[in-house]
PDB file of N, CA and C in Angstrom:
ATOM      1  N   MET A   1     -46.566   1.053 -90.975  1.00  0.00           N
ATOM      2  CA  MET A   1     -46.301  -0.079 -90.067  1.00  0.00           C
ATOM      3  C   MET A   1     -46.987  -1.344 -90.479  1.00  0.00           C
ATOM      4  N   GLN A   2     -46.123  -2.346 -90.702  1.00  0.00           N
ATOM      5  CA  GLN A   2     -46.813  -3.796 -91.109  1.00  0.00           C
ATOM      6  C   GLN A   2     -46.626  -4.592 -89.889  1.00  0.00           C
ATOM      7  N   ARG A   3     -47.744  -5.521 -89.631  1.00  0.00           N
ATOM      8  CA  ARG A   3     -47.662  -6.434 -88.638  1.00  0.00           C
ATOM      9  C   ARG A   3     -47.304  -7.881 -89.314  1.00  0.00           C
ATOM     10  N   ARG A   4     -46.669  -8.809 -88.684  1.00  0.00           N
ATOM     11  CA  ARG A   4     -46.153 -10.083 -89.307  1.00  0.00           C
ATOM     12  C   ARG A   4     -46.299 -11.064 -87.953  1.00  0.00           C
ATOM     13  N   ALA A   5     -46.823 -12.123 -88.289  1.00  0.00           N
ATOM     14  CA  ALA A   5     -47.079 -13.268 -87.447  1.00  0.00           C
ATOM     15  C   ALA A   5     -46.552 -14.476 -88.253  1.00  0.00           C
ATOM     16  N   PHE A   6     -45.958 -15.553 -87.308  1.00  0.00           N
ATOM     17  CA  PHE A   6     -45.369 -16.544 -87.831  1.00  0.00           C
ATOM     18  C   PHE A   6     -45.447 -17.688 -86.758  1.00  0.00           C
ATOM     19  N   ILE A   7     -45.379 -19.115 -87.096  1.00  0.00           N
ATOM     20  CA  ILE A   7     -45.018 -20.216 -86.236  1.00  0.00           C
ATOM     21  C   ILE A   7     -43.786 -20.876 -86.458  1.00  0.00           C
ATOM     22  N   MET A   8     -43.190 -21.074 -85.184  1.00  0.00           N
ATOM     23  CA  MET A   8     -41.975 -21.912 -85.223  1.00  0.00           C
ATOM     24  C   MET A   8     -42.303 -23.155 -84.335  1.00  0.00           C
ATOM     25  N   LYS A   9     -41.241 -24.129 -84.268  1.00  0.00           N
ATOM     26  CA  LYS A   9     -41.632 -25.239 -83.317  1.00  0.00           C
ATOM     27  C   LYS A   9     -40.096 -25.403 -82.511  1.00  0.00           C
ATOM     28  N   LEU A  10     -40.822 -25.552 -81.184  1.00  0.00           N
ATOM     29  CA  LEU A  10     -39.782 -25.877 -80.196  1.00  0.00           C
ATOM     30  C   LEU A  10     -39.735 -27.204 -79.913  1.00  0.00           C
ATOM     31  N   TYR A  11     -38.506 -27.829 -79.673  1.00  0.00           N
ATOM     32  CA  TYR A  11     -38.290 -29.335 -79.076  1.00  0.00           C
ATOM     33  C   TYR A  11     -39.034 -29.526 -77.919  1.00  0.00           C
ATOM     34  N   LYS A  12     -39.684 -30.435 -77.671  1.00  0.00           N
ATOM     35  CA  LYS A  12     -40.203 -31.013 -76.340  1.00  0.00           C
ATOM     36  C   LYS A  12     -39.142 -31.119 -75.227  1.00  0.00           C
ATOM     37  N   GLY A  13     -39.356 -30.540 -74.051  1.00  0.00           N
ATOM     38  CA  GLY A  13     -38.393 -30.509 -72.975  1.00  0.00           C
ATOM     39  C   GLY A  13     -37.509 -29.354 -72.943  1.00  0.00           C
ATOM     40  N   PHE A  14     -37.584 -28.439 -73.889  1.00  0.00           N
ATOM     41  CA  PHE A  14     -36.763 -27.325 -74.005  1.00  0.00           C
ATOM     42  C   PHE A  14     -37.449 -25.967 -73.540  1.00  0.00           C
ATOM     43  N   GLU A  15     -38.610 -25.919 -73.052  1.00  0.00           N
ATOM     44  CA  GLU A  15     -39.467 -24.821 -72.832  1.00  0.00           C
ATOM     45  C   GLU A  15     -38.793 -23.918 -71.990  1.00  0.00           C
ATOM     46  N   ALA A  16     -38.322 -24.292 -70.882  1.00  0.00           N
ATOM     47  CA  ALA A  16     -37.686 -23.392 -69.764  1.00  0.00           C
ATOM     48  C   ALA A  16     -36.272 -22.907 -70.299  1.00  0.00           C
ATOM     49  N   GLU A  17     -35.641 -23.735 -71.130  1.00  0.00           N
ATOM     50  CA  GLU A  17     -34.366 -23.274 -71.826  1.00  0.00           C
ATOM     51  C   GLU A  17     -34.742 -22.120 -72.797  1.00  0.00           C
ATOM     52  N   TYR A  18     -35.622 -22.341 -73.641  1.00  0.00           N
ATOM     53  CA  TYR A  18     -36.194 -21.202 -74.546  1.00  0.00           C
ATOM     54  C   TYR A  18     -36.373 -19.986 -74.037  1.00  0.00           C
ATOM     55  N   LYS A  19     -37.041 -20.054 -72.830  1.00  0.00           N
ATOM     56  CA  LYS A  19     -37.441 -18.742 -72.123  1.00  0.00           C
ATOM     57  C   LYS A  19     -36.201 -18.196 -71.573  1.00  0.00           C
ATOM     58  N   ARG A  20     -35.300 -19.043 -70.821  1.00  0.00           N
ATOM     59  CA  ARG A  20     -34.097 -18.545 -70.260  1.00  0.00           C
ATOM     60  C   ARG A  20     -33.294 -17.678 -71.490  1.00  0.00           C
ATOM     61  N   ARG A  21     -33.107 -18.481 -72.434  1.00  0.00           N
ATOM     62  CA  ARG A  21     -32.138 -17.676 -73.511  1.00  0.00           C
ATOM     63  C   ARG A  21     -32.857 -16.456 -73.974  1.00  0.00           C
ATOM     64  N   HIS A  22     -34.183 -16.219 -74.158  1.00  0.00           N
ATOM     65  CA  HIS A  22     -34.645 -15.093 -74.491  1.00  0.00           C
ATOM     66  C   HIS A  22     -34.921 -14.094 -73.252  1.00  0.00           C
ATOM     67  N   ASP A  23     -34.933 -14.478 -72.101  1.00  0.00           N
ATOM     68  CA  ASP A  23     -34.756 -13.547 -70.911  1.00  0.00           C
ATOM     69  C   ASP A  23     -33.470 -12.998 -70.864  1.00  0.00           C
ATOM     70  N   GLU A  24     -32.512 -13.550 -71.413  1.00  0.00           N
ATOM     71  CA  GLU A  24     -31.061 -13.125 -71.590  1.00  0.00           C
ATOM     72  C   GLU A  24     -30.571 -12.677 -72.897  1.00  0.00           C
ATOM     73  N   ILE A  25     -31.481 -12.220 -73.690  1.00  0.00           N
ATOM     74  CA  ILE A  25     -31.301 -11.916 -74.939  1.00  0.00           C
ATOM     75  C   ILE A  25     -29.929 -11.039 -75.200  1.00  0.00           C
ATOM     76  N   TRP A  26     -29.102 -11.199 -76.009  1.00  0.00           N
ATOM     77  CA  TRP A  26     -27.901 -10.537 -76.195  1.00  0.00           C
ATOM     78  C   TRP A  26     -28.144  -9.082 -76.457  1.00  0.00           C
ATOM     79  N   PRO A  27     -27.761  -8.066 -75.884  1.00  0.00           N
ATOM     80  CA  PRO A  27     -27.876  -6.692 -76.247  1.00  0.00           C
ATOM     81  C   PRO A  27     -27.653  -6.279 -77.723  1.00  0.00           C
ATOM     82  N   GLU A  28     -26.656  -6.962 -78.311  1.00  0.00           N
ATOM     83  CA  GLU A  28     -26.428  -6.638 -79.724  1.00  0.00           C
ATOM     84  C   GLU A  28     -27.487  -7.056 -80.490  1.00  0.00           C
ATOM     85  N   LEU A  29     -28.090  -8.131 -80.337  1.00  0.00           N
ATOM     86  CA  LEU A  29     -29.193  -8.716 -80.854  1.00  0.00           C
ATOM     87  C   LEU A  29     -30.317  -7.934 -80.784  1.00  0.00           C
ATOM     88  N   GLN A  30     -30.744  -7.418 -79.553  1.00  0.00           N
ATOM     89  CA  GLN A  30     -31.893  -6.528 -79.432  1.00  0.00           C
ATOM     90  C   GLN A  30     -31.560  -5.234 -80.186  1.00  0.00           C
ATOM     91  N   ALA A  31     -30.470  -4.657 -80.116  1.00  0.00           N
ATOM     92  CA  ALA A  31     -30.214  -3.415 -80.825  1.00  0.00           C
ATOM     93  C   ALA A  31     -30.184  -3.541 -82.499  1.00  0.00           C
ATOM     94  N   LEU A  32     -29.778  -4.764 -82.842  1.00  0.00           N
ATOM     95  CA  LEU A  32     -30.085  -5.050 -84.335  1.00  0.00           C
ATOM     96  C   LEU A  32     -31.431  -5.135 -84.641  1.00  0.00           C
ATOM     97  N   LEU A  33     -32.223  -5.716 -83.954  1.00  0.00           N
ATOM     98  CA  LEU A  33     -33.829  -5.858 -84.232  1.00  0.00           C
ATOM     99  C   LEU A  33     -34.392  -4.549 -84.288  1.00  0.00           C
ATOM    100  N   LYS A  34     -33.943  -3.702 -83.222  1.00  0.00           N
ATOM    101  CA  LYS A  34     -34.568  -2.236 -83.265  1.00  0.00           C
ATOM    102  C   LYS A  34     -34.127  -1.374 -84.346  1.00  0.00           C
ATOM    103  N   GLN A  35     -32.832  -1.499 -84.734  1.00  0.00           N
ATOM    104  CA  GLN A  35     -32.227  -0.752 -85.890  1.00  0.00           C
ATOM    105  C   GLN A  35     -32.938  -1.024 -87.154  1.00  0.00           C
ATOM    106  N   THR A  36     -33.385  -2.520 -87.343  1.00  0.00           N
ATOM    107  CA  THR A  36     -33.937  -3.007 -88.429  1.00  0.00           C
ATOM    108  C   THR A  36     -35.470  -2.423 -88.351  1.00  0.00           C
ATOM    109  N   GLY A  37     -35.955  -1.890 -87.420  1.00  0.00           N
ATOM    110  CA  GLY A  37     -37.199  -1.207 -87.510  1.00  0.00           C
ATOM    111  C   GLY A  37     -38.394  -2.090 -86.753  1.00  0.00           C
ATOM    112  N   ILE A  38     -37.922  -3.134 -86.115  1.00  0.00           N
ATOM    113  CA  ILE A  38     -38.976  -4.039 -85.456  1.00  0.00           C
ATOM    114  C   ILE A  38     -39.271  -3.657 -84.140  1.00  0.00           C
ATOM    115  N   GLN A  39     -40.595  -3.451 -83.934  1.00  0.00           N
ATOM    116  CA  GLN A  39     -41.160  -3.076 -82.781  1.00  0.00           C
ATOM    117  C   GLN A  39     -42.230  -4.032 -82.266  1.00  0.00           C
ATOM    118  N   GLU A  40     -42.539  -4.137 -80.943  1.00  0.00           N
ATOM    119  CA  GLU A  40     -43.830  -4.843 -80.496  1.00  0.00           C
ATOM    120  C   GLU A  40     -43.361  -6.313 -80.821  1.00  0.00           C
ATOM    121  N   TYR A  41     -42.274  -6.988 -80.589  1.00  0.00           N
ATOM    122  CA  TYR A  41     -42.024  -8.329 -80.921  1.00  0.00           C
ATOM    123  C   TYR A  41     -42.310  -9.104 -79.746  1.00  0.00           C
ATOM    124  N   SER A  42     -43.078 -10.201 -80.014  1.00  0.00           N
ATOM    125  CA  SER A  42     -43.473 -11.119 -78.896  1.00  0.00           C
ATOM    126  C   SER A  42     -43.511 -12.380 -79.388  1.00  0.00           C
ATOM    127  N   ILE A  43     -43.304 -13.463 -78.399  1.00  0.00           N
ATOM    128  CA  ILE A  43     -43.393 -14.962 -79.017  1.00  0.00           C
ATOM    129  C   ILE A  43     -44.006 -15.382 -77.822  1.00  0.00           C
ATOM    130  N   PHE A  44     -44.957 -16.402 -78.307  1.00  0.00           N
ATOM    131  CA  PHE A  44     -45.901 -17.077 -77.366  1.00  0.00           C
ATOM    132  C   PHE A  44     -45.721 -18.445 -77.510  1.00  0.00           C
ATOM    133  N   LEU A  45     -45.874 -19.125 -76.473  1.00  0.00           N
ATOM    134  CA  LEU A  45     -45.699 -20.819 -76.515  1.00  0.00           C
ATOM    135  C   LEU A  45     -47.093 -21.506 -76.192  1.00  0.00           C
ATOM    136  N   ASP A  46     -47.474 -22.214 -77.266  1.00  0.00           N
ATOM    137  CA  ASP A  46     -48.584 -23.215 -77.106  1.00  0.00           C
ATOM    138  C   ASP A  46     -48.084 -24.476 -76.448  1.00  0.00           C
ATOM    139  N   GLU A  47     -48.457 -24.589 -75.198  1.00  0.00           N
ATOM    140  CA  GLU A  47     -47.623 -25.759 -74.409  1.00  0.00           C
ATOM    141  C   GLU A  47     -48.317 -26.963 -74.796  1.00  0.00           C
ATOM    142  N   ARG A  48     -49.320 -27.093 -75.373  1.00  0.00           N
ATOM    143  CA  ARG A  48     -49.987 -28.406 -75.828  1.00  0.00           C
ATOM    144  C   ARG A  48     -49.070 -28.996 -76.898  1.00  0.00           C
ATOM    145  N   THR A  49     -48.682 -28.070 -77.974  1.00  0.00           N
ATOM    146  CA  THR A  49     -48.013 -28.526 -79.138  1.00  0.00           C
ATOM    147  C   THR A  49     -46.558 -28.106 -79.288  1.00  0.00           C
ATOM    148  N   ASN A  50     -46.182 -27.366 -78.378  1.00  0.00           N
ATOM    149  CA  ASN A  50     -44.855 -26.765 -78.546  1.00  0.00           C
ATOM    150  C   ASN A  50     -44.645 -25.732 -79.791  1.00  0.00           C
ATOM    151  N   ASN A  51     -45.570 -25.376 -80.412  1.00  0.00           N
ATOM    152  CA  ASN A  51     -45.554 -24.325 -81.243  1.00  0.00           C
ATOM    153  C   ASN A  51     -45.259 -22.990 -80.649  1.00  0.00           C
ATOM    154  N   LEU A  52     -44.466 -22.184 -81.346  1.00  0.00           N
ATOM    155  CA  LEU A  52     -44.193 -20.808 -80.989  1.00  0.00           C
ATOM    156  C   LEU A  52     -44.891 -20.005 -81.947  1.00  0.00           C
ATOM    157  N   PHE A  53     -45.612 -18.837 -81.412  1.00  0.00           N
ATOM    158  CA  PHE A  53     -46.353 -18.009 -82.126  1.00  0.00           C
ATOM    159  C   PHE A  53     -45.592 -16.482 -81.985  1.00  0.00           C
ATOM    160  N   GLY A  54     -45.007 -16.216 -83.162  1.00  0.00           N
ATOM    161  CA  GLY A  54     -44.340 -14.937 -83.181  1.00  0.00           C
ATOM    162  C   GLY A  54     -45.152 -13.733 -83.692  1.00  0.00           C
ATOM    163  N   TYR A  55     -45.040 -12.612 -83.124  1.00  0.00           N
ATOM    164  CA  TYR A  55     -45.761 -11.571 -83.776  1.00  0.00           C
ATOM    165  C   TYR A  55     -44.716 -10.277 -83.588  1.00  0.00           C
ATOM    166  N   LEU A  56     -44.769  -9.515 -84.651  1.00  0.00           N
ATOM    167  CA  LEU A  56     -43.933  -8.327 -84.620  1.00  0.00           C
ATOM    168  C   LEU A  56     -44.559  -7.126 -85.506  1.00  0.00           C
ATOM    169  N   GLN A  57     -44.131  -5.936 -85.259  1.00  0.00           N
ATOM    170  CA  GLN A  57     -44.455  -4.846 -86.096  1.00  0.00           C
ATOM    171  C   GLN A  57     -43.238  -4.201 -86.745  1.00  0.00           C
ATOM    172  N   ILE A  58     -43.092  -3.875 -87.960  1.00  0.00           N
ATOM    173  CA  ILE A  58     -42.023  -3.515 -88.615  1.00  0.00           C
ATOM    174  C   ILE A  58     -42.332  -2.334 -89.486  1.00  0.00           C
ATOM    175  N   ASP A  59     -41.523  -1.357 -89.600  1.00  0.00           N
ATOM    176  CA  ASP A  59     -41.658  -0.090 -90.355  1.00  0.00           C
ATOM    177  C   ASP A  59     -41.086  -0.433 -91.858  1.00  0.00           C
ATOM    178  N   ASP A  60     -40.128  -0.982 -92.090  1.00  0.00           N
ATOM    179  CA  ASP A  60     -39.791  -1.294 -93.451  1.00  0.00           C
ATOM    180  C   ASP A  60     -39.609  -2.843 -93.553  1.00  0.00           C
ATOM    181  N   THR A  61     -40.500  -3.258 -94.405  1.00  0.00           N
ATOM    182  CA  THR A  61     -40.634  -4.763 -94.573  1.00  0.00           C
ATOM    183  C   THR A  61     -39.243  -5.494 -95.405  1.00  0.00           C
ATOM    184  N   LEU A  62     -38.680  -4.377 -96.207  1.00  0.00           N
ATOM    185  CA  LEU A  62     -37.382  -4.851 -96.757  1.00  0.00           C
ATOM    186  C   LEU A  62     -36.375  -5.088 -95.910  1.00  0.00           C
ATOM    187  N   ALA A  63     -36.301  -4.271 -94.806  1.00  0.00           N
ATOM    188  CA  ALA A  63     -35.128  -4.232 -93.834  1.00  0.00           C
ATOM    189  C   ALA A  63     -35.114  -5.621 -93.361  1.00  0.00           C
ATOM    190  N   ILE A  64     -36.326  -6.312 -93.073  1.00  0.00           N
ATOM    191  CA  ILE A  64     -36.371  -7.688 -92.160  1.00  0.00           C
ATOM    192  C   ILE A  64     -35.585  -8.672 -93.158  1.00  0.00           C
ATOM    193  N   ASP A  65     -35.788  -8.507 -94.462  1.00  0.00           N
ATOM    194  CA  ASP A  65     -35.091  -9.496 -95.368  1.00  0.00           C
ATOM    195  C   ASP A  65     -33.446  -9.434 -95.299  1.00  0.00           C
ATOM    196  N   GLU A  66     -32.983  -8.382 -94.711  1.00  0.00           N
ATOM    197  CA  GLU A  66     -31.526  -8.300 -94.569  1.00  0.00           C
ATOM    198  C   GLU A  66     -31.064  -8.885 -93.195  1.00  0.00           C
ATOM    199  N   LEU A  67     -31.770  -9.259 -92.379  1.00  0.00           N
ATOM    200  CA  LEU A  67     -31.516  -9.739 -91.101  1.00  0.00           C
ATOM    201  C   LEU A  67     -30.589 -11.020 -91.164  1.00  0.00           C
ATOM    202  N   PRO A  68     -30.964 -12.003 -92.098  1.00  0.00           N
ATOM    203  CA  PRO A  68     -30.223 -13.164 -92.078  1.00  0.00           C
ATOM    204  C   PRO A  68     -28.758 -12.909 -92.678  1.00  0.00           C
ATOM    205  N   LYS A  69     -28.388 -12.005 -93.160  1.00  0.00           N
ATOM    206  CA  LYS A  69     -26.901 -11.513 -93.569  1.00  0.00           C
ATOM    207  C   LYS A  69     -26.173 -11.081 -92.280  1.00  0.00           C
ATOM    208  N   HIS A  70     -26.784 -10.773 -91.219  1.00  0.00           N
ATOM    209  CA  HIS A  70     -26.004 -10.043 -89.981  1.00  0.00           C
ATOM    210  C   HIS A  70     -25.326 -11.354 -89.280  1.00  0.00           C
ATOM    211  N   PRO A  71     -24.102 -11.102 -88.969  1.00  0.00           N
ATOM    212  CA  PRO A  71     -23.247 -12.062 -88.180  1.00  0.00           C
ATOM    213  C   PRO A  71     -23.982 -12.318 -86.939  1.00  0.00           C
ATOM    214  N   VAL A  72     -24.501 -11.192 -86.156  1.00  0.00           N
ATOM    215  CA  VAL A  72     -25.351 -11.460 -84.874  1.00  0.00           C
ATOM    216  C   VAL A  72     -26.377 -12.293 -85.158  1.00  0.00           C
ATOM    217  N   MET A  73     -27.057 -12.247 -86.115  1.00  0.00           N
ATOM    218  CA  MET A  73     -28.350 -12.924 -86.286  1.00  0.00           C
ATOM    219  C   MET A  73     -28.089 -14.487 -86.537  1.00  0.00           C
ATOM    220  N   GLN A  74     -26.955 -14.738 -87.320  1.00  0.00           N
ATOM    221  CA  GLN A  74     -26.432 -16.077 -87.589  1.00  0.00           C
ATOM    222  C   GLN A  74     -25.985 -16.536 -86.425  1.00  0.00           C
ATOM    223  N   ARG A  75     -25.266 -16.009 -85.459  1.00  0.00           N
ATOM    224  CA  ARG A  75     -24.875 -16.401 -84.070  1.00  0.00           C
ATOM    225  C   ARG A  75     -25.940 -16.959 -83.463  1.00  0.00           C
ATOM    226  N   TRP A  76     -27.049 -16.066 -83.323  1.00  0.00           N
ATOM    227  CA  TRP A  76     -28.272 -16.367 -82.496  1.00  0.00           C
ATOM    228  C   TRP A  76     -28.868 -17.698 -82.882  1.00  0.00           C
ATOM    229  N   TRP A  77     -29.033 -17.866 -84.371  1.00  0.00           N
ATOM    230  CA  TRP A  77     -29.698 -18.868 -84.795  1.00  0.00           C
ATOM    231  C   TRP A  77     -28.833 -20.185 -84.527  1.00  0.00           C
ATOM    232  N   ASN A  78     -27.487 -20.074 -84.504  1.00  0.00           N
ATOM    233  CA  ASN A  78     -26.708 -21.142 -84.224  1.00  0.00           C
ATOM    234  C   ASN A  78     -26.782 -21.527 -82.641  1.00  0.00           C
ATOM    235  N   TYR A  79     -26.789 -20.483 -81.882  1.00  0.00           N
ATOM    236  CA  TYR A  79     -27.231 -20.626 -80.418  1.00  0.00           C
ATOM    237  C   TYR A  79     -28.343 -21.470 -80.166  1.00  0.00           C
ATOM    238  N   MET A  80     -29.450 -21.137 -81.061  1.00  0.00           N
ATOM    239  CA  MET A  80     -30.912 -21.801 -80.723  1.00  0.00           C
ATOM    240  C   MET A  80     -31.108 -23.049 -81.517  1.00  0.00           C
ATOM    241  N   LYS A  81     -30.496 -23.509 -82.386  1.00  0.00           N
ATOM    242  CA  LYS A  81     -30.680 -24.637 -83.303  1.00  0.00           C
ATOM    243  C   LYS A  81     -30.737 -25.925 -82.407  1.00  0.00           C
ATOM    244  N   ASP A  82     -30.237 -25.943 -81.413  1.00  0.00           N
ATOM    245  CA  ASP A  82     -30.166 -27.208 -80.567  1.00  0.00           C
ATOM    246  C   ASP A  82     -31.599 -27.503 -79.974  1.00  0.00           C
ATOM    247  N   ILE A  83     -32.322 -26.382 -79.808  1.00  0.00           N
ATOM    248  CA  ILE A  83     -33.695 -26.530 -79.161  1.00  0.00           C
ATOM    249  C   ILE A  83     -34.865 -26.409 -79.908  1.00  0.00           C
ATOM    250  N   MET A  84     -34.756 -26.210 -81.089  1.00  0.00           N
ATOM    251  CA  MET A  84     -35.974 -25.797 -81.961  1.00  0.00           C
ATOM    252  C   MET A  84     -35.625 -26.250 -83.517  1.00  0.00           C
ATOM    253  N   GLU A  85     -36.791 -26.515 -84.341  1.00  0.00           N
ATOM    254  CA  GLU A  85     -36.651 -27.020 -85.779  1.00  0.00           C
ATOM    255  C   GLU A  85     -36.050 -25.807 -86.519  1.00  0.00           C
ATOM    256  N   THR A  86     -34.795 -26.178 -87.307  1.00  0.00           N
ATOM    257  CA  THR A  86     -34.346 -25.272 -88.084  1.00  0.00           C
ATOM    258  C   THR A  86     -34.106 -25.741 -89.360  1.00  0.00           C
ATOM    259  N   ASN A  87     -33.767 -24.845 -90.339  1.00  0.00           N
ATOM    260  CA  ASN A  87     -33.381 -25.011 -91.749  1.00  0.00           C
ATOM    261  C   ASN A  87     -31.728 -25.273 -91.751  1.00  0.00           C
ATOM    262  N   ALA A  88     -31.208 -25.642 -92.921  1.00  0.00           N
ATOM    263  CA  ALA A  88     -29.982 -26.039 -93.133  1.00  0.00           C
ATOM    264  C   ALA A  88     -28.966 -24.941 -92.654  1.00  0.00           C
ATOM    265  N   ASP A  89     -29.509 -23.670 -92.903  1.00  0.00           N
ATOM    266  CA  ASP A  89     -28.515 -22.773 -92.477  1.00  0.00           C
ATOM    267  C   ASP A  89     -28.624 -22.162 -91.102  1.00  0.00           C
ATOM    268  N   ALA A  90     -29.325 -22.954 -90.247  1.00  0.00           N
ATOM    269  CA  ALA A  90     -29.559 -22.737 -88.848  1.00  0.00           C
ATOM    270  C   ALA A  90     -30.776 -21.926 -88.458  1.00  0.00           C
ATOM    271  N   SER A  91     -31.325 -21.196 -89.362  1.00  0.00           N
ATOM    272  CA  SER A  91     -32.433 -20.187 -89.234  1.00  0.00           C
ATOM    273  C   SER A  91     -33.755 -21.100 -88.710  1.00  0.00           C
ATOM    274  N   PRO A  92     -34.232 -20.432 -87.844  1.00  0.00           N
ATOM    275  CA  PRO A  92     -35.587 -21.359 -87.362  1.00  0.00           C
ATOM    276  C   PRO A  92     -36.690 -21.493 -88.713  1.00  0.00           C
ATOM    277  N   VAL A  93     -37.252 -22.863 -88.726  1.00  0.00           N
ATOM    278  CA  VAL A  93     -38.228 -22.976 -89.539  1.00  0.00           C
ATOM    279  C   VAL A  93     -39.494 -22.065 -89.091  1.00  0.00           C
ATOM    280  N   SER A  94     -39.711 -21.203 -89.891  1.00  0.00           N
ATOM    281  CA  SER A  94     -40.736 -20.171 -89.532  1.00  0.00           C
ATOM    282  C   SER A  94     -41.786 -20.172 -90.638  1.00  0.00           C
ATOM    283  N   ILE A  95     -42.969 -20.411 -90.223  1.00  0.00           N
ATOM    284  CA  ILE A  95     -44.161 -20.354 -91.228  1.00  0.00           C
ATOM    285  C   ILE A  95     -44.893 -18.996 -91.093  1.00  0.00           C
ATOM    286  N   PRO A  96     -44.888 -18.218 -92.049  1.00  0.00           N
ATOM    287  CA  PRO A  96     -45.734 -17.160 -92.044  1.00  0.00           C
ATOM    288  C   PRO A  96     -47.301 -17.421 -92.037  1.00  0.00           C
ATOM    289  N   LEU A  97     -47.893 -16.441 -91.210  1.00  0.00           N
ATOM    290  CA  LEU A  97     -49.445 -16.551 -91.191  1.00  0.00           C
ATOM    291  C   LEU A  97     -49.939 -15.365 -91.695  1.00  0.00           C
ATOM    292  N   LYS A  98     -51.219 -15.659 -92.441  1.00  0.00           N
ATOM    293  CA  LYS A  98     -52.010 -14.800 -93.043  1.00  0.00           C
ATOM    294  C   LYS A  98     -52.967 -14.104 -92.289  1.00  0.00           C
ATOM    295  N   GLU A  99     -52.863 -12.739 -92.074  1.00  0.00           N
ATOM    296  CA  GLU A  99     -53.881 -11.940 -91.293  1.00  0.00           C
ATOM    297  C   GLU A  99     -55.205 -12.052 -91.786  1.00  0.00           C
ATOM    298  N   VAL A 100     -56.136 -12.614 -90.866  1.00  0.00           N
ATOM    299  CA  VAL A 100     -57.448 -12.595 -91.425  1.00  0.00           C
ATOM    300  C   VAL A 100     -58.430 -11.704 -90.719  1.00  0.00           C
ATOM    301  N   PHE A 101     -57.882 -11.134 -89.710  1.00  0.00           N
ATOM    302  CA  PHE A 101     -58.806 -10.148 -88.951  1.00  0.00           C
ATOM    303  C   PHE A 101     -57.654  -9.180 -87.976  1.00  0.00           C
ATOM    304  N   TYR A 102     -58.229  -7.873 -87.918  1.00  0.00           N
ATOM    305  CA  TYR A 102     -57.362  -6.970 -87.270  1.00  0.00           C
ATOM    306  C   TYR A 102     -58.483  -5.853 -86.660  1.00  0.00           C
ATOM    307  N   MET A 103     -58.331  -5.527 -85.323  1.00  0.00           N
ATOM    308  CA  MET A 103     -59.209  -4.626 -84.813  1.00  0.00           C
ATOM    309  C   MET A 103     -58.208  -3.521 -84.161  1.00  0.00           C
ATOM    310  N   PRO A 104     -58.060  -2.399 -84.679  1.00  0.00           N
ATOM    311  CA  PRO A 104     -57.313  -1.375 -84.349  1.00  0.00           C
ATOM    312  C   PRO A 104     -57.944  -0.770 -82.887  1.00  0.00           C
TER     313      PRO A 104
END
């Protein structure tokens, strides 16, 4: 199992909308994430900066690289692109973080 952490950026004023959309996450997206082997997926908001801190665990790190090809993932990104920083393909700008400490 590998742990991954990353930072994304939410536009100011969309904090409640971001939470609402995730509270109503599409069942087909949740199923896709689980089928990919993603577990323990959390996203935290730093209200001072509007940075989003994501953390997940995944069994197969190669499987996560396939997510961008799935239509459900692409639809979700298009759904979210109006409230957060995104790339040209609508995927969120996501900065991977290097793990420097872990206590099991």
